[in-house]
Protein backbone atom coordinates (compact mmCIF):
# COMPACT_ATOMS: atom_id res chain seq x y z
CA MET A 1 124.51 -78.27 -171.68
CA ARG A 2 121.91 -79.26 -174.27
CA TYR A 3 118.64 -77.33 -174.37
CA ALA A 4 115.45 -77.97 -176.32
CA THR A 5 111.90 -76.67 -176.56
CA PHE A 6 109.08 -79.17 -176.10
CA SER A 7 105.42 -79.55 -175.18
CA LEU A 8 103.34 -82.31 -173.61
CA PRO A 9 100.40 -84.23 -175.10
CA THR A 10 98.24 -82.76 -172.33
CA ASP A 11 99.61 -79.21 -172.63
CA PRO A 12 100.61 -77.68 -176.00
CA ARG A 13 102.46 -74.79 -174.35
CA PRO A 14 106.16 -74.84 -175.45
CA ARG A 15 108.59 -74.99 -172.56
CA LEU A 16 112.33 -75.00 -172.00
CA GLY A 17 113.85 -78.44 -171.60
CA ALA A 18 117.29 -79.57 -170.48
CA VAL A 19 118.24 -82.73 -172.36
CA HIS A 20 119.84 -85.53 -170.37
CA GLY A 21 120.22 -88.82 -172.21
CA THR A 22 116.83 -89.73 -173.65
CA THR A 23 114.89 -87.44 -171.34
CA LEU A 24 114.00 -83.77 -171.07
CA ALA A 25 113.62 -81.90 -167.81
CA ASP A 26 111.16 -79.03 -167.61
CA VAL A 27 113.61 -76.35 -166.49
CA HIS A 28 111.04 -73.95 -165.06
CA ALA A 29 109.40 -76.69 -162.99
CA LEU A 30 112.71 -78.17 -161.87
CA VAL A 31 114.29 -74.94 -160.62
CA TRP A 32 111.11 -73.36 -159.26
CA GLY A 33 111.84 -72.04 -155.80
CA ALA A 34 115.62 -72.23 -156.27
CA TRP A 35 116.05 -69.61 -158.99
CA PRO A 36 118.13 -66.71 -157.60
CA GLY A 37 116.35 -64.08 -159.66
CA PRO A 38 115.67 -61.39 -160.49
CA GLY A 39 112.31 -62.50 -161.76
CA SER A 40 111.10 -66.05 -162.18
CA ALA A 41 113.00 -68.99 -163.64
CA PRO A 42 113.17 -68.95 -167.46
CA ALA A 43 110.26 -70.74 -169.12
CA THR A 44 111.64 -70.53 -172.67
CA LEU A 45 115.06 -70.78 -174.27
CA LEU A 46 114.83 -67.17 -175.42
CA GLU A 47 114.21 -66.04 -171.84
CA LEU A 48 117.27 -67.99 -170.70
CA ILE A 49 119.47 -66.50 -173.44
CA GLN A 50 118.28 -63.00 -172.65
CA GLY A 51 119.09 -63.60 -168.97
CA GLY A 52 122.79 -63.37 -169.75
CA PRO A 53 125.94 -65.33 -168.85
CA ALA A 54 125.37 -65.24 -165.10
CA ALA A 55 121.99 -66.94 -165.53
CA TRP A 56 123.48 -69.54 -167.92
CA LYS A 57 126.25 -70.35 -165.44
CA TRP A 58 123.87 -70.71 -162.50
CA LEU A 59 121.51 -72.97 -164.42
CA ASP A 60 124.34 -75.10 -165.78
CA ASP A 61 125.69 -75.67 -162.27
CA PHE A 62 122.22 -76.42 -160.91
CA LEU A 63 121.27 -78.86 -163.66
CA SER A 64 124.63 -80.65 -163.58
CA SER A 65 123.90 -81.72 -160.03
CA ALA A 66 120.09 -81.98 -160.19
CA LEU A 67 119.47 -83.90 -163.41
CA PRO A 68 120.98 -87.27 -162.44
CA GLY A 69 119.04 -87.34 -159.17
CA ALA A 70 115.83 -86.14 -160.79
CA HIS A 71 115.60 -89.33 -162.84
CA SER A 72 115.79 -91.70 -159.90
CA GLY A 73 114.20 -89.59 -157.20
CA GLY A 74 110.58 -88.85 -156.50
CA GLY A 75 108.35 -85.86 -155.97
CA ALA A 76 108.40 -82.66 -157.98
CA ALA A 77 111.84 -83.30 -159.48
CA ALA A 78 110.81 -86.63 -160.99
CA ALA A 79 107.54 -85.15 -162.26
CA ALA A 80 109.51 -82.52 -164.16
CA VAL A 81 111.35 -85.14 -166.24
CA HIS A 82 109.81 -86.50 -169.46
CA GLU A 83 110.87 -89.15 -171.95
CA GLY A 84 111.92 -87.57 -175.22
CA ALA A 85 109.86 -90.06 -177.22
CA GLN A 86 106.69 -88.99 -175.40
CA VAL A 87 106.80 -85.24 -176.08
CA ARG A 88 106.54 -82.96 -179.08
CA TRP A 89 109.80 -81.28 -180.02
CA HIS A 90 109.60 -77.69 -181.28
CA ALA A 91 112.16 -75.43 -182.91
CA PRO A 92 114.44 -74.29 -180.05
CA ILE A 93 113.15 -70.73 -180.57
CA PRO A 94 109.70 -71.35 -182.09
CA ARG A 95 109.15 -67.70 -182.98
CA PRO A 96 112.42 -65.80 -183.57
CA THR A 97 112.22 -62.13 -182.63
CA LYS A 98 113.55 -61.10 -186.04
CA ASN A 99 114.49 -62.62 -189.39
CA ILE A 100 116.93 -65.52 -189.39
CA LEU A 101 120.28 -64.24 -190.70
CA CYS A 102 121.80 -66.41 -193.43
CA LEU A 103 124.95 -66.81 -195.48
CA GLY A 104 124.87 -67.71 -199.13
CA LEU A 105 127.68 -69.45 -201.00
CA ASN A 106 129.84 -70.01 -197.91
CA TYR A 107 131.32 -73.32 -199.15
CA PHE A 108 133.27 -73.18 -202.40
CA SER A 109 132.01 -76.64 -203.38
CA HIS A 110 128.50 -75.17 -203.33
CA VAL A 111 129.65 -72.14 -205.33
CA VAL A 112 130.89 -74.53 -208.02
CA GLU A 113 127.76 -76.68 -208.18
CA THR A 114 125.35 -73.73 -208.34
CA ALA A 115 127.34 -72.05 -211.10
CA LYS A 116 126.95 -75.01 -213.47
CA PRO A 117 123.15 -74.82 -214.07
CA LEU A 118 123.48 -71.08 -214.70
CA ASP A 119 126.41 -71.61 -217.09
CA LYS A 120 128.60 -69.30 -215.05
CA ALA A 121 132.22 -69.55 -213.95
CA PRO A 122 132.44 -70.19 -210.18
CA LYS A 123 133.69 -67.16 -208.28
CA ARG A 124 134.79 -67.28 -204.65
CA PRO A 125 133.05 -64.51 -202.67
CA GLU A 126 135.38 -61.82 -201.36
CA VAL A 127 133.02 -60.91 -198.50
CA PRO A 128 130.12 -62.84 -196.93
CA ILE A 129 126.84 -62.83 -198.84
CA PHE A 130 123.96 -62.22 -196.43
CA PHE A 131 120.21 -62.70 -196.78
CA THR A 132 117.41 -63.50 -194.35
CA LYS A 133 114.52 -65.89 -193.80
CA ALA A 134 111.26 -64.72 -192.24
CA PRO A 135 110.53 -65.73 -188.60
CA THR A 136 107.52 -67.72 -189.85
CA THR A 137 109.91 -70.20 -191.50
CA ALA A 138 110.82 -71.68 -188.09
CA ASN A 139 109.79 -75.33 -188.00
CA GLY A 140 110.22 -78.20 -185.57
CA PRO A 141 113.00 -80.78 -185.88
CA PHE A 142 110.55 -83.61 -186.60
CA ASP A 143 107.65 -81.70 -188.15
CA ALA A 144 106.55 -81.91 -191.78
CA ILE A 145 107.80 -79.56 -194.48
CA ALA A 146 104.61 -78.30 -196.12
CA TRP A 147 104.90 -78.24 -199.91
CA ASP A 148 102.42 -76.22 -201.94
CA ARG A 149 102.93 -77.20 -205.59
CA GLY A 150 100.86 -74.20 -206.63
CA ILE A 151 103.75 -72.04 -205.41
CA THR A 152 106.85 -74.10 -206.16
CA GLU A 153 107.81 -77.17 -208.20
CA GLN A 154 111.46 -77.07 -207.13
CA LEU A 155 111.67 -77.83 -203.42
CA ASP A 156 115.28 -78.09 -202.27
CA TYR A 157 117.27 -78.67 -199.07
CA GLU A 158 120.43 -77.17 -197.51
CA ALA A 159 122.15 -78.59 -194.42
CA GLU A 160 123.63 -75.83 -192.25
CA LEU A 161 125.20 -75.18 -188.88
CA GLY A 162 123.10 -72.70 -186.91
CA VAL A 163 124.60 -70.17 -184.50
CA ILE A 164 122.58 -68.66 -181.63
CA VAL A 165 123.79 -65.28 -180.39
CA GLY A 166 123.98 -65.04 -176.60
CA VAL A 167 125.64 -61.72 -175.83
CA GLY A 168 124.65 -58.84 -178.05
CA GLY A 169 127.15 -56.49 -179.58
CA LYS A 170 128.21 -54.29 -182.46
CA ASN A 171 131.47 -54.08 -184.39
CA LEU A 172 132.77 -57.35 -182.98
CA THR A 173 136.33 -58.44 -183.67
CA ARG A 174 136.95 -62.00 -184.82
CA GLY A 175 139.30 -62.63 -181.91
CA HIS A 176 136.46 -62.16 -179.43
CA ALA A 177 133.43 -62.90 -181.63
CA LEU A 178 132.85 -66.46 -180.40
CA GLU A 179 132.49 -65.10 -176.85
CA HIS A 180 129.13 -63.74 -178.03
CA VAL A 181 127.76 -67.16 -179.03
CA PHE A 182 125.29 -68.93 -176.73
CA GLY A 183 125.21 -72.18 -178.66
CA TYR A 184 124.79 -74.10 -181.89
CA THR A 185 121.98 -75.98 -183.60
CA VAL A 186 121.10 -77.74 -186.87
CA ILE A 187 119.26 -75.89 -189.65
CA ASN A 188 117.77 -77.03 -192.96
CA ASP A 189 117.52 -73.97 -195.19
CA VAL A 190 114.64 -75.29 -197.31
CA SER A 191 114.44 -73.41 -200.61
CA ALA A 192 111.97 -72.98 -203.46
CA ARG A 193 114.44 -72.66 -206.32
CA ASP A 194 111.98 -71.56 -209.02
CA VAL A 195 110.63 -68.83 -206.74
CA GLN A 196 114.18 -67.86 -205.79
CA PHE A 197 115.28 -67.40 -209.41
CA ARG A 198 112.00 -65.88 -210.58
CA HIS A 199 112.33 -63.05 -208.08
CA LYS A 200 116.10 -62.71 -208.71
CA GLN A 201 116.89 -62.66 -204.99
CA TRP A 202 116.84 -65.23 -202.19
CA PHE A 203 114.46 -63.90 -199.55
CA LYS A 204 111.10 -64.93 -201.03
CA GLY A 205 112.11 -68.41 -202.20
CA LYS A 206 113.57 -69.22 -198.80
CA SER A 207 110.88 -67.63 -196.62
CA LEU A 208 107.81 -69.78 -197.23
CA ASP A 209 106.14 -70.93 -194.02
CA GLY A 210 107.96 -73.80 -192.31
CA PHE A 211 111.04 -73.55 -194.55
CA CYS A 212 113.51 -73.54 -191.66
CA PRO A 213 113.42 -76.76 -189.61
CA MET A 214 115.87 -76.43 -186.73
CA GLY A 215 116.97 -78.25 -183.61
CA PRO A 216 116.56 -80.76 -182.19
CA VAL A 217 118.69 -79.11 -179.49
CA VAL A 218 120.92 -76.14 -178.90
CA VAL A 219 124.31 -77.22 -177.59
CA THR A 220 125.97 -74.50 -175.53
CA ALA A 221 129.22 -73.13 -176.91
CA ASP A 222 131.34 -74.48 -174.05
CA GLU A 223 130.16 -78.04 -174.71
CA PHE A 224 130.15 -77.83 -178.52
CA GLY A 225 133.77 -76.79 -178.89
CA ASP A 226 135.35 -75.65 -182.16
CA PRO A 227 132.55 -74.86 -184.65
CA GLN A 228 134.96 -75.35 -187.56
CA GLN A 229 135.66 -79.01 -186.88
CA LYS A 230 132.23 -80.62 -187.26
CA ARG A 231 130.89 -82.98 -189.89
CA ILE A 232 127.68 -81.87 -191.60
CA THR A 233 125.51 -84.30 -193.56
CA LEU A 234 122.10 -84.58 -195.17
CA ARG A 235 120.22 -87.66 -196.34
CA VAL A 236 117.07 -88.02 -198.45
CA ASN A 237 115.27 -91.33 -197.90
CA GLY A 238 118.50 -92.71 -196.46
CA GLU A 239 120.67 -91.65 -199.42
CA THR A 240 123.52 -89.32 -198.48
CA ARG A 241 123.28 -86.11 -200.51
CA GLN A 242 125.56 -83.78 -198.54
CA ASP A 243 128.66 -84.77 -196.59
CA ALA A 244 131.25 -82.18 -195.63
CA THR A 245 132.95 -80.51 -192.70
CA THR A 246 132.47 -77.02 -191.33
CA ALA A 247 136.23 -76.55 -191.80
CA ASP A 248 135.33 -75.98 -195.47
CA MET A 249 133.49 -72.71 -194.76
CA ILE A 250 134.87 -69.78 -196.72
CA PHE A 251 133.99 -67.47 -193.83
CA PRO A 252 134.22 -69.23 -190.44
CA VAL A 253 131.81 -68.36 -187.65
CA ASP A 254 134.07 -65.78 -186.01
CA VAL A 255 134.69 -63.99 -189.31
CA THR A 256 130.97 -64.09 -190.13
CA LEU A 257 130.12 -62.48 -186.79
CA GLU A 258 132.73 -59.78 -187.37
CA TYR A 259 131.31 -58.86 -190.78
CA LEU A 260 127.67 -59.17 -189.74
CA SER A 261 128.07 -56.93 -186.70
CA GLN A 262 129.79 -54.08 -188.54
CA GLY A 263 127.50 -51.15 -187.91
CA MET A 264 124.65 -53.53 -187.02
CA THR A 265 123.84 -54.65 -183.49
CA LEU A 266 123.45 -58.37 -182.92
CA GLU A 267 121.02 -59.20 -180.14
CA PRO A 268 120.57 -62.15 -177.76
CA GLY A 269 118.53 -64.84 -179.50
CA ASP A 270 119.52 -63.88 -183.04
CA ILE A 271 119.85 -66.98 -185.25
CA ILE A 272 122.50 -67.27 -187.97
CA ALA A 273 122.54 -69.98 -190.64
CA THR A 274 126.13 -70.36 -191.84
CA GLY A 275 125.69 -71.72 -195.37
CA THR A 276 125.59 -75.14 -197.00
CA PRO A 277 128.12 -77.40 -198.72
CA ASP A 278 127.65 -79.05 -202.12
CA GLY A 279 125.09 -81.76 -202.78
CA VAL A 280 121.87 -79.74 -202.97
CA GLY A 281 119.17 -80.83 -205.41
CA LEU A 282 119.84 -77.85 -207.69
CA GLY A 283 123.46 -78.91 -208.14
CA ARG A 284 122.79 -82.49 -209.21
CA ILE A 285 122.77 -83.44 -212.91
CA PRO A 286 119.94 -83.47 -213.69
CA PRO A 287 118.56 -81.46 -210.73
CA GLN A 288 116.87 -83.67 -208.15
CA TYR A 289 114.29 -81.86 -206.05
CA LEU A 290 112.29 -83.12 -203.10
CA GLN A 291 108.99 -84.93 -203.63
CA HIS A 292 105.94 -85.69 -201.50
CA GLY A 293 106.77 -88.28 -198.84
CA ASP A 294 110.54 -87.78 -198.96
CA VAL A 295 112.24 -87.96 -195.56
CA VAL A 296 115.05 -85.46 -195.10
CA GLU A 297 117.58 -86.04 -192.31
CA THR A 298 119.91 -83.14 -191.55
CA GLU A 299 122.76 -83.77 -189.13
CA VAL A 300 125.61 -81.84 -187.55
CA GLU A 301 128.18 -83.71 -185.49
CA GLY A 302 127.83 -83.06 -181.79
CA ILE A 303 124.27 -81.72 -182.01
CA GLY A 304 121.87 -84.25 -183.53
CA THR A 305 119.57 -84.89 -186.47
CA LEU A 306 116.49 -83.22 -187.91
CA ARG A 307 114.05 -85.64 -189.50
CA ASN A 308 111.39 -83.94 -191.64
CA ARG A 309 108.96 -85.49 -194.10
CA VAL A 310 107.80 -83.56 -197.15
CA ALA A 311 104.01 -83.26 -197.17
CA GLN A 312 102.20 -81.87 -200.19
CA VAL A 313 99.33 -79.57 -199.21
């Protein structure tokens, strides 16, 4: 199943949508009266994730039979379905409950390119390098990336596969780690390189407001398949800057979850950005950073494409 978060021109309230072709069905409106409980039908993606596997299974079965008929039928079911081009798409989880968990230097090609400007020998990490982005970085899949030149002159991009935790846990083993994944999404880990290097750590330069466009959908783990066999690309104004496969990760998703959960509980709805391949602006010779008006398209095979325009403020 493919889930998204959207709002209507007449109602800015974000709601959970099930994507079917070019349309989105308002899940809460569609299943109202049929939801087995406890409680009411989920109105947001986070509520669905926190409902657990039994809720996911019930909703998947219900939508698999209801969605085709909802498009051609009448009444409440038809009213719950909206054309994707007529709604506003939000980040799947517009306000994460905690910081977005991120991996640095998880593709060796990126290790190599980032070592060059610093005149360092590339060194393959022996364990995952973790950092976080603030919840206020969450941005919609088609919304602008706000660029304040008074704060940064070096605005950069990073295409990444995003992982959404479904079942919480601690001290996971890699053999069972993927059982804890709800689904996958696309993330652009926007970065202010000058801020990043000035502060000598990654949190500040990657946590400016709106610096984490994500979406446009979350594809459930059962539909997405092997997370290590997906092409990941990024284009700026139509020019391909990044083009790799998730098979190139130094630490695959299951290994990342194992390390991340050691002594630290992962919770339903946690978002993990799994690192970026080579091709970032910092790594080009000379460096090539984003400018006002640039259109950045970030794509992961099997999920979809973010399309964000840089807007100087």
